[in-house]
Amino acid sequence: MPDPMGDLNYTWPFLAAAALGYFLGSVPFGLVLTKLAGHGDIRQIGSGNIGATNVLRTGSKGLAALTVLLDGGKGAAAFWVAGLLGPDMAVLAGGGAFLGHLFPVSLKFRGGKGVATALGILIAACWEAGLLACLTWLAVAAAFRYSSLAALVSLAVAPAYMWYLADLQRTELAAFLAILVFVRHHTNIRRLLKRKESRIKLKP
């Protein structure tokens, strides 16, 4: 990985990869889809978050599922496209896409919580580790009915999966994603500790 403070003639392609990843990640699919579907501004609904969990509060499971796919897809796309130029580019673009989703400049840096985007990046970085993280999410969600807990556990163990199945650089990326997911879920963590977190509803 290049020194970001090094010679610009050398570092500019890496900075460009991170910037392009950021702008791709900052596309707020949850907001765009809900507006196109006639549900208004998702930021005025439920938690105000632009992610799939809040999109589900519009009553449209299909719209929420599409938000998951697109949010995950933009993270994966950033990693894969930049990966054509090398692993360093891929990691920087993946990290940039995640930051773009969490802190999009177009929404005054108030983005989503990043779970779908993080899982998409993990799948692109190492599909086996990403798949294990997704399966962990499903297992925890099925057992405890807390989406936030499933997200926290799946991202917490993702670096271990990546360490075993990939390499140090991708493990560091998984750890970076996990730390930011925990930061963005700080209110959920408090509610979980107080047993006030909302459970996943299987029936309408």
C-alpha atoms as a PDB file:
ATOM      1  CA  MET A   1       0.000   0.000   0.000  1.00  0.00           C
ATOM      2  CA  PRO A   2       1.476   3.385  -0.958  1.00  0.00           C
ATOM      3  CA  ASP A   3       2.184   6.171   1.485  1.00  0.00           C
ATOM      4  CA  PRO A   4      -0.688   8.674   0.998  1.00  0.00           C
ATOM      5  CA  MET A   5       1.755  11.483   1.790  1.00  0.00           C
ATOM      6  CA  GLY A   6       4.274  10.274  -0.800  1.00  0.00           C
ATOM      7  CA  ASP A   7       5.086  11.513  -4.294  1.00  0.00           C
ATOM      8  CA  LEU A   8       1.795  12.492  -5.987  1.00  0.00           C
ATOM      9  CA  ASN A   9       3.088  11.173  -9.312  1.00  0.00           C
ATOM     10  CA  TYR A  10       3.063   7.727  -7.715  1.00  0.00           C
ATOM     11  CA  THR A  11       0.125   7.961  -5.327  1.00  0.00           C
ATOM     12  CA  TRP A  12      -2.498   9.656  -7.534  1.00  0.00           C
ATOM     13  CA  PRO A  13      -3.862   6.402  -9.070  1.00  0.00           C
ATOM     14  CA  PHE A  14      -4.441   5.009  -5.577  1.00  0.00           C
ATOM     15  CA  LEU A  15      -6.095   8.214  -4.407  1.00  0.00           C
ATOM     16  CA  ALA A  16      -8.232   8.162  -7.543  1.00  0.00           C
ATOM     17  CA  ALA A  17      -9.313   4.577  -6.816  1.00  0.00           C
ATOM     18  CA  ALA A  18     -10.377   5.550  -3.295  1.00  0.00           C
ATOM     19  CA  ALA A  19     -12.213   8.628  -4.594  1.00  0.00           C
ATOM     20  CA  LEU A  20     -14.033   6.720  -7.325  1.00  0.00           C
ATOM     21  CA  GLY A  21     -15.001   4.068  -4.787  1.00  0.00           C
ATOM     22  CA  TYR A  22     -16.313   6.786  -2.503  1.00  0.00           C
ATOM     23  CA  PHE A  23     -18.543   8.353  -5.146  1.00  0.00           C
ATOM     24  CA  LEU A  24     -19.876   4.965  -6.245  1.00  0.00           C
ATOM     25  CA  GLY A  25     -20.580   4.022  -2.633  1.00  0.00           C
ATOM     26  CA  SER A  26     -22.319   7.327  -1.962  1.00  0.00           C
ATOM     27  CA  VAL A  27     -25.205   6.547  -4.356  1.00  0.00           C
ATOM     28  CA  PRO A  28     -28.171   6.365  -1.898  1.00  0.00           C
ATOM     29  CA  PHE A  29     -30.156   3.536  -3.470  1.00  0.00           C
ATOM     30  CA  GLY A  30     -32.599   3.278  -0.569  1.00  0.00           C
ATOM     31  CA  LEU A  31     -33.515   6.947  -0.937  1.00  0.00           C
ATOM     32  CA  VAL A  32     -33.696   6.801  -4.738  1.00  0.00           C
ATOM     33  CA  LEU A  33     -35.821   3.639  -4.843  1.00  0.00           C
ATOM     34  CA  THR A  34     -38.346   4.787  -2.248  1.00  0.00           C
ATOM     35  CA  LYS A  35     -38.813   8.106  -4.037  1.00  0.00           C
ATOM     36  CA  LEU A  36     -39.258   6.379  -7.399  1.00  0.00           C
ATOM     37  CA  ALA A  37     -41.785   4.002  -5.832  1.00  0.00           C
ATOM     38  CA  GLY A  38     -43.818   6.919  -4.516  1.00  0.00           C
ATOM     39  CA  HIS A  39     -43.033   6.439  -0.815  1.00  0.00           C
ATOM     40  CA  GLY A  40     -41.477   9.869  -0.420  1.00  0.00           C
ATOM     41  CA  ASP A  41     -38.259  10.611   1.426  1.00  0.00           C
ATOM     42  CA  ILE A  42     -37.096   7.538   3.381  1.00  0.00           C
ATOM     43  CA  ARG A  43     -35.338   9.895   5.785  1.00  0.00           C
ATOM     44  CA  GLN A  44     -38.775  10.966   7.017  1.00  0.00           C
ATOM     45  CA  ILE A  45     -39.830   7.372   7.754  1.00  0.00           C
ATOM     46  CA  GLY A  46     -39.005   5.197  10.781  1.00  0.00           C
ATOM     47  CA  SER A  47     -35.415   5.609  11.889  1.00  0.00           C
ATOM     48  CA  GLY A  48     -34.619   8.029   9.068  1.00  0.00           C
ATOM     49  CA  ASN A  49     -31.874   5.727   7.814  1.00  0.00           C
ATOM     50  CA  ILE A  50     -31.433   5.159   4.069  1.00  0.00           C
ATOM     51  CA  GLY A  51     -30.644   1.450   4.416  1.00  0.00           C
ATOM     52  CA  ALA A  52     -32.720  -1.633   3.620  1.00  0.00           C
ATOM     53  CA  THR A  53     -34.018  -2.136   7.175  1.00  0.00           C
ATOM     54  CA  ASN A  54     -35.695   1.245   7.103  1.00  0.00           C
ATOM     55  CA  VAL A  55     -36.849   0.776   3.514  1.00  0.00           C
ATOM     56  CA  LEU A  56     -38.696  -2.304   4.779  1.00  0.00           C
ATOM     57  CA  ARG A  57     -40.753   0.021   6.969  1.00  0.00           C
ATOM     58  CA  THR A  58     -42.445   1.310   3.820  1.00  0.00           C
ATOM     59  CA  GLY A  59     -44.146  -2.078   3.687  1.00  0.00           C
ATOM     60  CA  SER A  60     -42.394  -3.180   0.502  1.00  0.00           C
ATOM     61  CA  LYS A  61     -40.253  -6.293   0.988  1.00  0.00           C
ATOM     62  CA  GLY A  62     -39.297  -6.234  -2.682  1.00  0.00           C
ATOM     63  CA  LEU A  63     -38.005  -2.688  -2.424  1.00  0.00           C
ATOM     64  CA  ALA A  64     -36.007  -3.572   0.678  1.00  0.00           C
ATOM     65  CA  ALA A  65     -34.515  -6.633  -1.045  1.00  0.00           C
ATOM     66  CA  LEU A  66     -33.563  -4.544  -4.073  1.00  0.00           C
ATOM     67  CA  THR A  67     -31.910  -2.003  -1.758  1.00  0.00           C
ATOM     68  CA  VAL A  68     -29.833  -4.790  -0.198  1.00  0.00           C
ATOM     69  CA  LEU A  69     -28.738  -6.033  -3.622  1.00  0.00           C
ATOM     70  CA  LEU A  70     -27.840  -2.587  -4.934  1.00  0.00           C
ATOM     71  CA  ASP A  71     -26.082  -1.439  -1.756  1.00  0.00           C
ATOM     72  CA  GLY A  72     -24.106  -4.674  -1.681  1.00  0.00           C
ATOM     73  CA  GLY A  73     -23.527  -4.506  -5.407  1.00  0.00           C
ATOM     74  CA  LYS A  74     -21.991  -1.039  -5.375  1.00  0.00           C
ATOM     75  CA  GLY A  75     -19.441  -2.157  -2.791  1.00  0.00           C
ATOM     76  CA  ALA A  76     -18.632  -5.295  -4.760  1.00  0.00           C
ATOM     77  CA  ALA A  77     -18.440  -3.352  -8.034  1.00  0.00           C
ATOM     78  CA  ALA A  78     -15.975  -0.837  -6.601  1.00  0.00           C
ATOM     79  CA  PHE A  79     -13.723  -3.648  -5.362  1.00  0.00           C
ATOM     80  CA  TRP A  80     -13.918  -5.733  -8.546  1.00  0.00           C
ATOM     81  CA  VAL A  81     -13.430  -2.896 -11.027  1.00  0.00           C
ATOM     82  CA  ALA A  82     -10.477  -1.402  -9.146  1.00  0.00           C
ATOM     83  CA  GLY A  83      -9.133  -4.922  -8.662  1.00  0.00           C
ATOM     84  CA  LEU A  84      -8.431  -5.084 -12.392  1.00  0.00           C
ATOM     85  CA  LEU A  85      -5.582  -2.686 -11.641  1.00  0.00           C
ATOM     86  CA  GLY A  86      -4.246  -4.588  -8.641  1.00  0.00           C
ATOM     87  CA  PRO A  87      -5.063  -5.656  -5.081  1.00  0.00           C
ATOM     88  CA  ASP A  88      -4.052  -2.344  -3.515  1.00  0.00           C
ATOM     89  CA  MET A  89      -6.457  -0.503  -5.802  1.00  0.00           C
ATOM     90  CA  ALA A  90      -9.230  -2.949  -4.936  1.00  0.00           C
ATOM     91  CA  VAL A  91      -8.819  -2.519  -1.191  1.00  0.00           C
ATOM     92  CA  LEU A  92      -8.720   1.272  -1.441  1.00  0.00           C
ATOM     93  CA  ALA A  93     -11.771   1.389  -3.694  1.00  0.00           C
ATOM     94  CA  GLY A  94     -13.664  -1.010  -1.427  1.00  0.00           C
ATOM     95  CA  GLY A  95     -12.843   1.058   1.634  1.00  0.00           C
ATOM     96  CA  GLY A  96     -13.742   4.231  -0.251  1.00  0.00           C
ATOM     97  CA  ALA A  97     -17.100   2.792  -1.297  1.00  0.00           C
ATOM     98  CA  PHE A  98     -17.880   1.909   2.303  1.00  0.00           C
ATOM     99  CA  LEU A  99     -17.043   5.407   3.493  1.00  0.00           C
ATOM    100  CA  GLY A 100     -19.168   6.791   0.669  1.00  0.00           C
ATOM    101  CA  HIS A 101     -22.161   4.777   1.825  1.00  0.00           C
ATOM    102  CA  LEU A 102     -21.737   5.783   5.465  1.00  0.00           C
ATOM    103  CA  PHE A 103     -20.893   9.429   4.842  1.00  0.00           C
ATOM    104  CA  PRO A 104     -22.227  10.558   1.428  1.00  0.00           C
ATOM    105  CA  VAL A 105     -21.426  14.174   0.714  1.00  0.00           C
ATOM    106  CA  SER A 106     -24.714  14.583  -1.196  1.00  0.00           C
ATOM    107  CA  LEU A 107     -26.673  13.790   1.995  1.00  0.00           C
ATOM    108  CA  LYS A 108     -24.540  15.966   4.279  1.00  0.00           C
ATOM    109  CA  PHE A 109     -22.559  12.871   5.341  1.00  0.00           C
ATOM    110  CA  ARG A 110     -25.648  11.153   6.803  1.00  0.00           C
ATOM    111  CA  GLY A 111     -25.710   7.762   5.140  1.00  0.00           C
ATOM    112  CA  GLY A 112     -26.628   4.199   5.978  1.00  0.00           C
ATOM    113  CA  LYS A 113     -25.174   1.819   8.538  1.00  0.00           C
ATOM    114  CA  GLY A 114     -23.279  -0.111   5.915  1.00  0.00           C
ATOM    115  CA  VAL A 115     -24.131  -3.766   6.520  1.00  0.00           C
ATOM    116  CA  ALA A 116     -25.198  -4.683   2.975  1.00  0.00           C
ATOM    117  CA  THR A 117     -22.359  -2.661   1.454  1.00  0.00           C
ATOM    118  CA  ALA A 118     -19.823  -4.280   3.793  1.00  0.00           C
ATOM    119  CA  LEU A 119     -21.053  -7.779   2.939  1.00  0.00           C
ATOM    120  CA  GLY A 120     -20.866  -6.956  -0.764  1.00  0.00           C
ATOM    121  CA  ILE A 121     -17.262  -5.820  -0.377  1.00  0.00           C
ATOM    122  CA  LEU A 122     -16.393  -8.960   1.587  1.00  0.00           C
ATOM    123  CA  ILE A 123     -17.908 -11.200  -1.091  1.00  0.00           C
ATOM    124  CA  ALA A 124     -15.908  -9.377  -3.759  1.00  0.00           C
ATOM    125  CA  ALA A 125     -12.713  -9.554  -1.703  1.00  0.00           C
ATOM    126  CA  CYS A 126     -13.043 -13.288  -0.966  1.00  0.00           C
ATOM    127  CA  TRP A 127     -16.335 -14.922  -1.826  1.00  0.00           C
ATOM    128  CA  GLU A 128     -15.848 -17.774   0.656  1.00  0.00           C
ATOM    129  CA  ALA A 129     -15.266 -15.394   3.574  1.00  0.00           C
ATOM    130  CA  GLY A 130     -18.089 -13.143   2.408  1.00  0.00           C
ATOM    131  CA  LEU A 131     -20.453 -16.102   2.125  1.00  0.00           C
ATOM    132  CA  LEU A 132     -19.544 -17.243   5.631  1.00  0.00           C
ATOM    133  CA  ALA A 133     -20.265 -13.736   6.935  1.00  0.00           C
ATOM    134  CA  CYS A 134     -23.672 -13.781   5.206  1.00  0.00           C
ATOM    135  CA  LEU A 135     -24.456 -17.225   6.650  1.00  0.00           C
ATOM    136  CA  THR A 136     -23.445 -15.956  10.084  1.00  0.00           C
ATOM    137  CA  TRP A 137     -25.875 -13.069   9.687  1.00  0.00           C
ATOM    138  CA  LEU A 138     -28.672 -15.468   8.754  1.00  0.00           C
ATOM    139  CA  ALA A 139     -27.908 -17.826  11.649  1.00  0.00           C
ATOM    140  CA  VAL A 140     -27.823 -15.072  14.289  1.00  0.00           C
ATOM    141  CA  ALA A 141     -30.920 -13.386  12.853  1.00  0.00           C
ATOM    142  CA  ALA A 142     -32.829 -16.687  12.855  1.00  0.00           C
ATOM    143  CA  ALA A 143     -31.745 -17.522  16.393  1.00  0.00           C
ATOM    144  CA  PHE A 144     -32.260 -14.154  18.089  1.00  0.00           C
ATOM    145  CA  ARG A 145     -34.491 -12.122  15.711  1.00  0.00           C
ATOM    146  CA  TYR A 146     -32.300  -9.019  15.949  1.00  0.00           C
ATOM    147  CA  SER A 147     -31.063  -7.600  12.652  1.00  0.00           C
ATOM    148  CA  SER A 148     -28.552  -5.340  14.394  1.00  0.00           C
ATOM    149  CA  LEU A 149     -27.103  -8.189  16.459  1.00  0.00           C
ATOM    150  CA  ALA A 150     -26.774 -10.316  13.331  1.00  0.00           C
ATOM    151  CA  ALA A 151     -24.928  -7.477  11.619  1.00  0.00           C
ATOM    152  CA  LEU A 152     -22.559  -6.928  14.535  1.00  0.00           C
ATOM    153  CA  VAL A 153     -21.712 -10.603  14.957  1.00  0.00           C
ATOM    154  CA  SER A 154     -21.266 -11.290  11.239  1.00  0.00           C
ATOM    155  CA  LEU A 155     -18.937  -8.309  10.774  1.00  0.00           C
ATOM    156  CA  ALA A 156     -17.058  -9.097  14.001  1.00  0.00           C
ATOM    157  CA  VAL A 157     -16.139 -12.587  12.801  1.00  0.00           C
ATOM    158  CA  ALA A 158     -15.483 -11.538   9.183  1.00  0.00           C
ATOM    159  CA  PRO A 159     -11.812 -10.635   9.849  1.00  0.00           C
ATOM    160  CA  ALA A 160     -11.253 -14.148  11.241  1.00  0.00           C
ATOM    161  CA  TYR A 161     -12.811 -15.682   8.125  1.00  0.00           C
ATOM    162  CA  MET A 162     -10.674 -13.441   5.943  1.00  0.00           C
ATOM    163  CA  TRP A 163      -7.515 -14.253   7.924  1.00  0.00           C
ATOM    164  CA  TYR A 164      -8.062 -17.966   7.394  1.00  0.00           C
ATOM    165  CA  LEU A 165      -9.176 -17.823   3.757  1.00  0.00           C
ATOM    166  CA  ALA A 166      -7.392 -14.812   2.251  1.00  0.00           C
ATOM    167  CA  ASP A 167      -4.461 -12.611   3.273  1.00  0.00           C
ATOM    168  CA  LEU A 168      -3.454  -9.880   5.696  1.00  0.00           C
ATOM    169  CA  GLN A 169      -4.436  -7.001   3.425  1.00  0.00           C
ATOM    170  CA  ARG A 170      -7.998  -8.250   2.980  1.00  0.00           C
ATOM    171  CA  THR A 171      -8.152  -9.121   6.672  1.00  0.00           C
ATOM    172  CA  GLU A 172      -7.298  -5.508   7.479  1.00  0.00           C
ATOM    173  CA  LEU A 173     -10.050  -4.361   5.133  1.00  0.00           C
ATOM    174  CA  ALA A 174     -12.556  -6.646   6.910  1.00  0.00           C
ATOM    175  CA  ALA A 175     -11.425  -5.255  10.273  1.00  0.00           C
ATOM    176  CA  PHE A 176     -11.842  -1.683   8.973  1.00  0.00           C
ATOM    177  CA  LEU A 177     -15.396  -2.484   7.861  1.00  0.00           C
ATOM    178  CA  ALA A 178     -16.203  -4.138  11.189  1.00  0.00           C
ATOM    179  CA  ILE A 179     -14.978  -1.203  13.258  1.00  0.00           C
ATOM    180  CA  LEU A 180     -17.065   1.284  11.306  1.00  0.00           C
ATOM    181  CA  VAL A 181     -20.155  -0.945  11.434  1.00  0.00           C
ATOM    182  CA  PHE A 182     -19.832  -1.052  15.231  1.00  0.00           C
ATOM    183  CA  VAL A 183     -19.433   2.735  15.342  1.00  0.00           C
ATOM    184  CA  ARG A 184     -22.529   3.254  13.182  1.00  0.00           C
ATOM    185  CA  HIS A 185     -24.531   0.822  15.350  1.00  0.00           C
ATOM    186  CA  HIS A 186     -23.726   2.493  18.678  1.00  0.00           C
ATOM    187  CA  THR A 187     -27.381   3.319  19.356  1.00  0.00           C
ATOM    188  CA  ASN A 188     -28.423  -0.230  18.464  1.00  0.00           C
ATOM    189  CA  ILE A 189     -25.805  -1.606  20.852  1.00  0.00           C
ATOM    190  CA  ARG A 190     -27.223   0.498  23.678  1.00  0.00           C
ATOM    191  CA  ARG A 191     -30.740  -0.718  22.918  1.00  0.00           C
ATOM    192  CA  LEU A 192     -29.554  -4.327  22.767  1.00  0.00           C
ATOM    193  CA  LEU A 193     -27.924  -3.989  26.177  1.00  0.00           C
ATOM    194  CA  LYS A 194     -31.162  -2.531  27.557  1.00  0.00           C
ATOM    195  CA  ARG A 195     -33.228  -5.193  25.740  1.00  0.00           C
ATOM    196  CA  LYS A 196     -35.145  -2.470  23.931  1.00  0.00           C
ATOM    197  CA  GLU A 197     -34.013  -3.239  20.391  1.00  0.00           C
ATOM    198  CA  SER A 198     -36.736  -4.026  17.843  1.00  0.00           C
ATOM    199  CA  ARG A 199     -36.927  -7.642  16.710  1.00  0.00           C
ATOM    200  CA  ILE A 200     -37.281  -8.890  13.154  1.00  0.00           C
ATOM    201  CA  LYS A 201     -40.943  -9.410  12.323  1.00  0.00           C
ATOM    202  CA  LEU A 202     -41.577 -12.474  10.194  1.00  0.00           C
ATOM    203  CA  LYS A 203     -45.252 -11.695   9.672  1.00  0.00           C
ATOM    204  CA  PRO A 204     -46.886  -8.446   8.521  1.00  0.00           C
END
